[in-house]
Amino acid sequence: MPSTPQTTQRNARGRQRIAQEAARLIAESGIQDFEHARRKAAARLGIHEESLWPRLADVEQALREHQRLFASTTQPDALQLRRESALQAMQFLQAFQPRLSGPVLTGVAGDNSPVILHLHCDDAEAVHHFLHDQRIPAEARAWLLQLAGHMMKQHFPGWEFAADGIAFELVVLPEDALRQPPVSSDDGKPLPRATVAQVRQLLVMAQPLT
């Protein structure tokens, strides 16, 4: 049965409500995974059919609006601090061809947001040994991602730690992921990622004119 205008409008309102609730969870409850926030928001609102959920891009847009309304005086500083920390960490980890990903890159990072770095190395233990040699206490964990050209998501190893009050997540991907990067679970497009030079340019662009 084709959808009626009333049904279409109701579904659009439902997607908007989920996106707004997911944005609130990310901003206020410390949830940093957009997919998890979307799923939790949908459950709270009793909308269980995934085809009626908003895209992750819609959740991100709702988060931008939430930050504009409720954190316009604090969020830009939190973002800038994390981008500066990301650049320092990427320079430190340059041997592993780091790429910045996640909310620090896209501009929606807040006080609870981690710096997400994708490292590229076919031997994940080499990253572990490097962190150990540098006396960085890091905790091992795994991330579920889908790489371009692959049909299924896979678990990739990595480490997380905190430095100067900022959380870091280091995801170790194979070197082939430089050409076949992780993709969005929504549309299969490559996730936004940035090199050291691109992050440096972001910081230059954010500097006030004198």
C-alpha atoms as a PDB file:
ATOM      1  CA  MET A   1       0.000   0.000   0.000  1.00  0.00           C
ATOM      2  CA  PRO A   2       1.462   3.367  -1.000  1.00  0.00           C
ATOM      3  CA  SER A   3       2.192   5.847   1.761  1.00  0.00           C
ATOM      4  CA  THR A   4      -0.283   8.632   2.356  1.00  0.00           C
ATOM      5  CA  PRO A   5       0.875  12.221   2.848  1.00  0.00           C
ATOM      6  CA  GLN A   6      -0.068  11.871   6.502  1.00  0.00           C
ATOM      7  CA  THR A   7       2.081   8.761   6.879  1.00  0.00           C
ATOM      8  CA  THR A   8       5.022  10.408   5.128  1.00  0.00           C
ATOM      9  CA  GLN A   9       4.738  13.443   7.380  1.00  0.00           C
ATOM     10  CA  ARG A  10       4.474  11.282  10.494  1.00  0.00           C
ATOM     11  CA  ASN A  11       7.557   9.293   9.486  1.00  0.00           C
ATOM     12  CA  ALA A  12       9.506  12.514   8.849  1.00  0.00           C
ATOM     13  CA  ARG A  13       8.564  13.805  12.301  1.00  0.00           C
ATOM     14  CA  GLY A  14       9.664  10.499  13.806  1.00  0.00           C
ATOM     15  CA  ARG A  15      13.065  10.706  12.103  1.00  0.00           C
ATOM     16  CA  GLN A  16      13.470  14.255  13.331  1.00  0.00           C
ATOM     17  CA  ARG A  17      12.587  13.271  16.911  1.00  0.00           C
ATOM     18  CA  ILE A  18      15.095  10.404  16.831  1.00  0.00           C
ATOM     19  CA  ALA A  19      17.812  12.665  15.443  1.00  0.00           C
ATOM     20  CA  GLN A  20      17.166  15.304  18.091  1.00  0.00           C
ATOM     21  CA  GLU A  21      17.105  12.768  20.922  1.00  0.00           C
ATOM     22  CA  ALA A  22      20.295  11.121  19.647  1.00  0.00           C
ATOM     23  CA  ALA A  23      21.951  14.540  19.503  1.00  0.00           C
ATOM     24  CA  ARG A  24      20.898  15.231  23.083  1.00  0.00           C
ATOM     25  CA  LEU A  25      22.321  11.888  24.219  1.00  0.00           C
ATOM     26  CA  ILE A  26      25.627  12.615  22.513  1.00  0.00           C
ATOM     27  CA  ALA A  27      25.836  16.133  23.926  1.00  0.00           C
ATOM     28  CA  GLU A  28      24.615  15.457  27.450  1.00  0.00           C
ATOM     29  CA  SER A  29      25.017  11.763  28.286  1.00  0.00           C
ATOM     30  CA  GLY A  30      28.555  11.090  27.131  1.00  0.00           C
ATOM     31  CA  ILE A  31      27.558   8.701  24.322  1.00  0.00           C
ATOM     32  CA  GLN A  32      30.020   9.219  21.484  1.00  0.00           C
ATOM     33  CA  ASP A  33      29.051   6.520  18.991  1.00  0.00           C
ATOM     34  CA  PHE A  34      26.459   8.021  16.639  1.00  0.00           C
ATOM     35  CA  GLU A  35      24.998   4.628  15.709  1.00  0.00           C
ATOM     36  CA  HIS A  36      24.585   3.686  19.370  1.00  0.00           C
ATOM     37  CA  ALA A  37      22.996   7.059  20.130  1.00  0.00           C
ATOM     38  CA  ARG A  38      20.585   6.663  17.214  1.00  0.00           C
ATOM     39  CA  ARG A  39      19.608   3.161  18.304  1.00  0.00           C
ATOM     40  CA  LYS A  40      19.097   4.223  21.920  1.00  0.00           C
ATOM     41  CA  ALA A  41      17.070   7.260  20.885  1.00  0.00           C
ATOM     42  CA  ALA A  42      14.826   5.130  18.650  1.00  0.00           C
ATOM     43  CA  ALA A  43      14.264   2.658  21.490  1.00  0.00           C
ATOM     44  CA  ARG A  44      13.325   5.454  23.887  1.00  0.00           C
ATOM     45  CA  LEU A  45      10.818   6.790  21.382  1.00  0.00           C
ATOM     46  CA  GLY A  46       9.435   3.342  20.572  1.00  0.00           C
ATOM     47  CA  ILE A  47      10.363   3.489  16.886  1.00  0.00           C
ATOM     48  CA  HIS A  48      11.875   0.069  16.215  1.00  0.00           C
ATOM     49  CA  GLU A  49      11.709  -0.149  12.407  1.00  0.00           C
ATOM     50  CA  GLU A  50      15.173   0.819  11.179  1.00  0.00           C
ATOM     51  CA  SER A  51      13.839   2.065   7.849  1.00  0.00           C
ATOM     52  CA  LEU A  52      12.129   4.828   9.830  1.00  0.00           C
ATOM     53  CA  TRP A  53      15.324   6.002  11.488  1.00  0.00           C
ATOM     54  CA  PRO A  54      17.242   9.125  10.402  1.00  0.00           C
ATOM     55  CA  ARG A  55      20.570   8.891   8.636  1.00  0.00           C
ATOM     56  CA  LEU A  56      23.700   9.410  10.691  1.00  0.00           C
ATOM     57  CA  ALA A  57      24.232  12.632   8.737  1.00  0.00           C
ATOM     58  CA  ASP A  58      20.878  13.828  10.099  1.00  0.00           C
ATOM     59  CA  VAL A  59      21.986  12.998  13.640  1.00  0.00           C
ATOM     60  CA  GLU A  60      25.166  15.002  13.068  1.00  0.00           C
ATOM     61  CA  GLN A  61      23.148  17.955  11.775  1.00  0.00           C
ATOM     62  CA  ALA A  62      20.866  17.772  14.808  1.00  0.00           C
ATOM     63  CA  LEU A  63      23.946  17.756  17.034  1.00  0.00           C
ATOM     64  CA  ARG A  64      25.252  20.892  15.318  1.00  0.00           C
ATOM     65  CA  GLU A  65      21.943  22.596  16.006  1.00  0.00           C
ATOM     66  CA  HIS A  66      21.952  21.435  19.637  1.00  0.00           C
ATOM     67  CA  GLN A  67      25.457  22.818  20.098  1.00  0.00           C
ATOM     68  CA  ARG A  68      24.490  26.093  18.436  1.00  0.00           C
ATOM     69  CA  LEU A  69      21.595  26.492  20.864  1.00  0.00           C
ATOM     70  CA  PHE A  70      23.138  25.206  24.084  1.00  0.00           C
ATOM     71  CA  ALA A  71      26.941  25.246  23.783  1.00  0.00           C
ATOM     72  CA  SER A  72      27.842  28.075  21.433  1.00  0.00           C
ATOM     73  CA  THR A  73      30.251  29.623  23.963  1.00  0.00           C
ATOM     74  CA  THR A  74      32.080  26.410  24.944  1.00  0.00           C
ATOM     75  CA  GLN A  75      31.988  23.974  22.023  1.00  0.00           C
ATOM     76  CA  PRO A  76      34.327  25.887  19.685  1.00  0.00           C
ATOM     77  CA  ASP A  77      37.061  25.932  22.337  1.00  0.00           C
ATOM     78  CA  ALA A  78      36.608  22.218  23.055  1.00  0.00           C
ATOM     79  CA  LEU A  79      36.864  21.485  19.324  1.00  0.00           C
ATOM     80  CA  GLN A  80      39.961  23.627  18.859  1.00  0.00           C
ATOM     81  CA  LEU A  81      41.723  22.028  21.823  1.00  0.00           C
ATOM     82  CA  ARG A  82      41.058  18.551  20.461  1.00  0.00           C
ATOM     83  CA  ARG A  83      42.235  19.447  16.989  1.00  0.00           C
ATOM     84  CA  GLU A  84      45.469  20.821  18.423  1.00  0.00           C
ATOM     85  CA  SER A  85      45.906  17.633  20.472  1.00  0.00           C
ATOM     86  CA  ALA A  86      45.112  15.526  17.407  1.00  0.00           C
ATOM     87  CA  LEU A  87      47.842  17.236  15.404  1.00  0.00           C
ATOM     88  CA  GLN A  88      50.405  16.659  18.156  1.00  0.00           C
ATOM     89  CA  ALA A  89      49.423  12.996  18.430  1.00  0.00           C
ATOM     90  CA  MET A  90      49.530  12.500  14.662  1.00  0.00           C
ATOM     91  CA  GLN A  91      53.015  13.950  14.486  1.00  0.00           C
ATOM     92  CA  PHE A  92      54.036  11.664  17.352  1.00  0.00           C
ATOM     93  CA  LEU A  93      52.533   8.641  15.551  1.00  0.00           C
ATOM     94  CA  GLN A  94      53.650   9.621  12.047  1.00  0.00           C
ATOM     95  CA  ALA A  95      55.360   6.268  11.461  1.00  0.00           C
ATOM     96  CA  PHE A  96      51.879   4.680  11.330  1.00  0.00           C
ATOM     97  CA  GLN A  97      50.444   7.041   8.702  1.00  0.00           C
ATOM     98  CA  PRO A  98      47.669   8.428  10.939  1.00  0.00           C
ATOM     99  CA  ARG A  99      44.380   9.841   9.736  1.00  0.00           C
ATOM    100  CA  LEU A 100      42.024  11.881  11.897  1.00  0.00           C
ATOM    101  CA  SER A 101      38.404  10.742  11.862  1.00  0.00           C
ATOM    102  CA  GLY A 102      35.226  11.314  13.825  1.00  0.00           C
ATOM    103  CA  PRO A 103      33.715  14.395  15.480  1.00  0.00           C
ATOM    104  CA  VAL A 104      37.026  16.215  15.970  1.00  0.00           C
ATOM    105  CA  LEU A 105      37.415  16.274  12.198  1.00  0.00           C
ATOM    106  CA  THR A 106      33.801  16.969  11.262  1.00  0.00           C
ATOM    107  CA  GLY A 107      33.550  19.806  13.783  1.00  0.00           C
ATOM    108  CA  VAL A 108      30.964  18.489  16.247  1.00  0.00           C
ATOM    109  CA  ALA A 109      33.364  17.493  19.028  1.00  0.00           C
ATOM    110  CA  GLY A 110      32.476  18.577  22.544  1.00  0.00           C
ATOM    111  CA  ASP A 111      33.975  18.232  25.999  1.00  0.00           C
ATOM    112  CA  ASN A 112      33.443  14.442  26.042  1.00  0.00           C
ATOM    113  CA  SER A 113      34.555  13.687  22.498  1.00  0.00           C
ATOM    114  CA  PRO A 114      37.615  11.493  21.918  1.00  0.00           C
ATOM    115  CA  VAL A 115      40.277  12.122  19.318  1.00  0.00           C
ATOM    116  CA  ILE A 116      39.872   9.213  16.888  1.00  0.00           C
ATOM    117  CA  LEU A 117      42.980   8.329  14.904  1.00  0.00           C
ATOM    118  CA  HIS A 118      43.203   5.610  12.281  1.00  0.00           C
ATOM    119  CA  LEU A 119      46.697   4.113  12.171  1.00  0.00           C
ATOM    120  CA  HIS A 120      47.855   1.984   9.253  1.00  0.00           C
ATOM    121  CA  CYS A 121      50.101  -0.964   9.975  1.00  0.00           C
ATOM    122  CA  ASP A 122      49.870  -4.648   9.074  1.00  0.00           C
ATOM    123  CA  ASP A 123      51.315  -5.567  12.467  1.00  0.00           C
ATOM    124  CA  ALA A 124      49.081  -4.155  15.203  1.00  0.00           C
ATOM    125  CA  GLU A 125      51.546  -5.266  17.850  1.00  0.00           C
ATOM    126  CA  ALA A 126      54.049  -2.766  16.463  1.00  0.00           C
ATOM    127  CA  VAL A 127      51.725   0.004  17.644  1.00  0.00           C
ATOM    128  CA  HIS A 128      51.428  -1.675  21.030  1.00  0.00           C
ATOM    129  CA  HIS A 129      55.197  -1.933  21.379  1.00  0.00           C
ATOM    130  CA  PHE A 130      55.605   1.712  20.375  1.00  0.00           C
ATOM    131  CA  LEU A 131      53.147   2.875  23.024  1.00  0.00           C
ATOM    132  CA  HIS A 132      54.832   0.659  25.600  1.00  0.00           C
ATOM    133  CA  ASP A 133      58.291   1.960  24.711  1.00  0.00           C
ATOM    134  CA  GLN A 134      56.991   5.515  25.039  1.00  0.00           C
ATOM    135  CA  ARG A 135      55.504   4.619  28.445  1.00  0.00           C
ATOM    136  CA  ILE A 136      51.973   5.467  27.407  1.00  0.00           C
ATOM    137  CA  PRO A 137      49.497   3.444  29.492  1.00  0.00           C
ATOM    138  CA  ALA A 138      46.910   2.351  26.949  1.00  0.00           C
ATOM    139  CA  GLU A 139      44.037  -0.096  27.176  1.00  0.00           C
ATOM    140  CA  ALA A 140      43.377  -2.538  24.340  1.00  0.00           C
ATOM    141  CA  ARG A 141      39.974  -2.673  22.693  1.00  0.00           C
ATOM    142  CA  ALA A 142      38.446  -3.420  19.287  1.00  0.00           C
ATOM    143  CA  TRP A 143      36.379  -1.378  16.836  1.00  0.00           C
ATOM    144  CA  LEU A 144      33.803  -2.719  14.373  1.00  0.00           C
ATOM    145  CA  LEU A 145      34.262  -1.112  10.950  1.00  0.00           C
ATOM    146  CA  GLN A 146      33.603  -1.916   7.310  1.00  0.00           C
ATOM    147  CA  LEU A 147      36.346  -1.193   4.794  1.00  0.00           C
ATOM    148  CA  ALA A 148      35.670  -0.144   1.225  1.00  0.00           C
ATOM    149  CA  GLY A 149      35.498  -3.164  -1.053  1.00  0.00           C
ATOM    150  CA  HIS A 150      34.440  -5.490   1.793  1.00  0.00           C
ATOM    151  CA  MET A 151      30.919  -6.798   2.269  1.00  0.00           C
ATOM    152  CA  MET A 152      30.994  -7.224   6.035  1.00  0.00           C
ATOM    153  CA  LYS A 153      32.117  -5.291   9.064  1.00  0.00           C
ATOM    154  CA  GLN A 154      35.234  -6.523  10.832  1.00  0.00           C
ATOM    155  CA  HIS A 155      36.766  -6.044  14.249  1.00  0.00           C
ATOM    156  CA  PHE A 156      40.008  -4.078  14.211  1.00  0.00           C
ATOM    157  CA  PRO A 157      42.354  -3.848  17.195  1.00  0.00           C
ATOM    158  CA  GLY A 158      43.506  -0.677  18.839  1.00  0.00           C
ATOM    159  CA  TRP A 159      44.172   1.153  22.049  1.00  0.00           C
ATOM    160  CA  GLU A 160      42.669   3.989  24.030  1.00  0.00           C
ATOM    161  CA  PHE A 161      44.242   6.293  26.563  1.00  0.00           C
ATOM    162  CA  ALA A 162      43.885   9.783  27.994  1.00  0.00           C
ATOM    163  CA  ALA A 163      46.381  12.638  27.924  1.00  0.00           C
ATOM    164  CA  ASP A 164      45.832  16.038  29.535  1.00  0.00           C
ATOM    165  CA  GLY A 165      42.193  15.199  30.096  1.00  0.00           C
ATOM    166  CA  ILE A 166      41.512  14.286  26.451  1.00  0.00           C
ATOM    167  CA  ALA A 167      40.569  10.759  25.379  1.00  0.00           C
ATOM    168  CA  PHE A 168      42.334   9.182  22.416  1.00  0.00           C
ATOM    169  CA  GLU A 169      41.197   6.186  20.383  1.00  0.00           C
ATOM    170  CA  LEU A 170      43.798   4.571  18.134  1.00  0.00           C
ATOM    171  CA  VAL A 171      42.285   2.170  15.609  1.00  0.00           C
ATOM    172  CA  VAL A 172      44.855   0.010  13.818  1.00  0.00           C
ATOM    173  CA  LEU A 173      43.921  -0.757  10.220  1.00  0.00           C
ATOM    174  CA  PRO A 174      45.875  -2.654   7.568  1.00  0.00           C
ATOM    175  CA  GLU A 175      47.991  -0.552   5.228  1.00  0.00           C
ATOM    176  CA  ASP A 176      45.538  -1.356   2.403  1.00  0.00           C
ATOM    177  CA  ALA A 177      43.005   0.802   4.258  1.00  0.00           C
ATOM    178  CA  LEU A 178      44.872   3.849   2.982  1.00  0.00           C
ATOM    179  CA  ARG A 179      43.319   2.997  -0.397  1.00  0.00           C
ATOM    180  CA  GLN A 180      40.220   1.208   0.928  1.00  0.00           C
ATOM    181  CA  PRO A 181      39.218   3.293   3.952  1.00  0.00           C
ATOM    182  CA  PRO A 182      36.369   2.626   6.373  1.00  0.00           C
ATOM    183  CA  VAL A 183      32.933   3.441   4.998  1.00  0.00           C
ATOM    184  CA  SER A 184      29.674   4.665   6.474  1.00  0.00           C
ATOM    185  CA  SER A 185      27.148   2.017   7.430  1.00  0.00           C
ATOM    186  CA  ASP A 186      24.437   4.293   6.022  1.00  0.00           C
ATOM    187  CA  ASP A 187      25.506   4.828   2.427  1.00  0.00           C
ATOM    188  CA  GLY A 188      28.795   2.979   1.969  1.00  0.00           C
ATOM    189  CA  LYS A 189      30.708   6.180   1.281  1.00  0.00           C
ATOM    190  CA  PRO A 190      34.213   6.604   2.775  1.00  0.00           C
ATOM    191  CA  LEU A 191      34.258   8.172   6.219  1.00  0.00           C
ATOM    192  CA  PRO A 192      35.799  11.644   6.327  1.00  0.00           C
ATOM    193  CA  ARG A 193      39.476  11.420   7.265  1.00  0.00           C
ATOM    194  CA  ALA A 194      42.326  13.912   7.321  1.00  0.00           C
ATOM    195  CA  THR A 195      46.097  13.762   7.055  1.00  0.00           C
ATOM    196  CA  VAL A 196      48.521  15.698   9.230  1.00  0.00           C
ATOM    197  CA  ALA A 197      48.717  18.445   6.594  1.00  0.00           C
ATOM    198  CA  GLN A 198      44.941  18.723   6.401  1.00  0.00           C
ATOM    199  CA  VAL A 199      44.551  18.948  10.170  1.00  0.00           C
ATOM    200  CA  ARG A 200      47.246  21.615  10.265  1.00  0.00           C
ATOM    201  CA  GLN A 201      45.277  23.536   7.636  1.00  0.00           C
ATOM    202  CA  LEU A 202      42.105  23.275   9.734  1.00  0.00           C
ATOM    203  CA  LEU A 203      43.953  24.886  12.615  1.00  0.00           C
ATOM    204  CA  VAL A 204      45.339  27.649  10.428  1.00  0.00           C
ATOM    205  CA  MET A 205      41.859  28.421   9.111  1.00  0.00           C
ATOM    206  CA  ALA A 206      40.524  28.641  12.670  1.00  0.00           C
ATOM    207  CA  GLN A 207      43.059  31.263  13.743  1.00  0.00           C
ATOM    208  CA  PRO A 208      41.530  34.727  14.252  1.00  0.00           C
ATOM    209  CA  LEU A 209      42.640  37.476  11.908  1.00  0.00           C
ATOM    210  CA  THR A 210      45.061  40.030  13.395  1.00  0.00           C
END
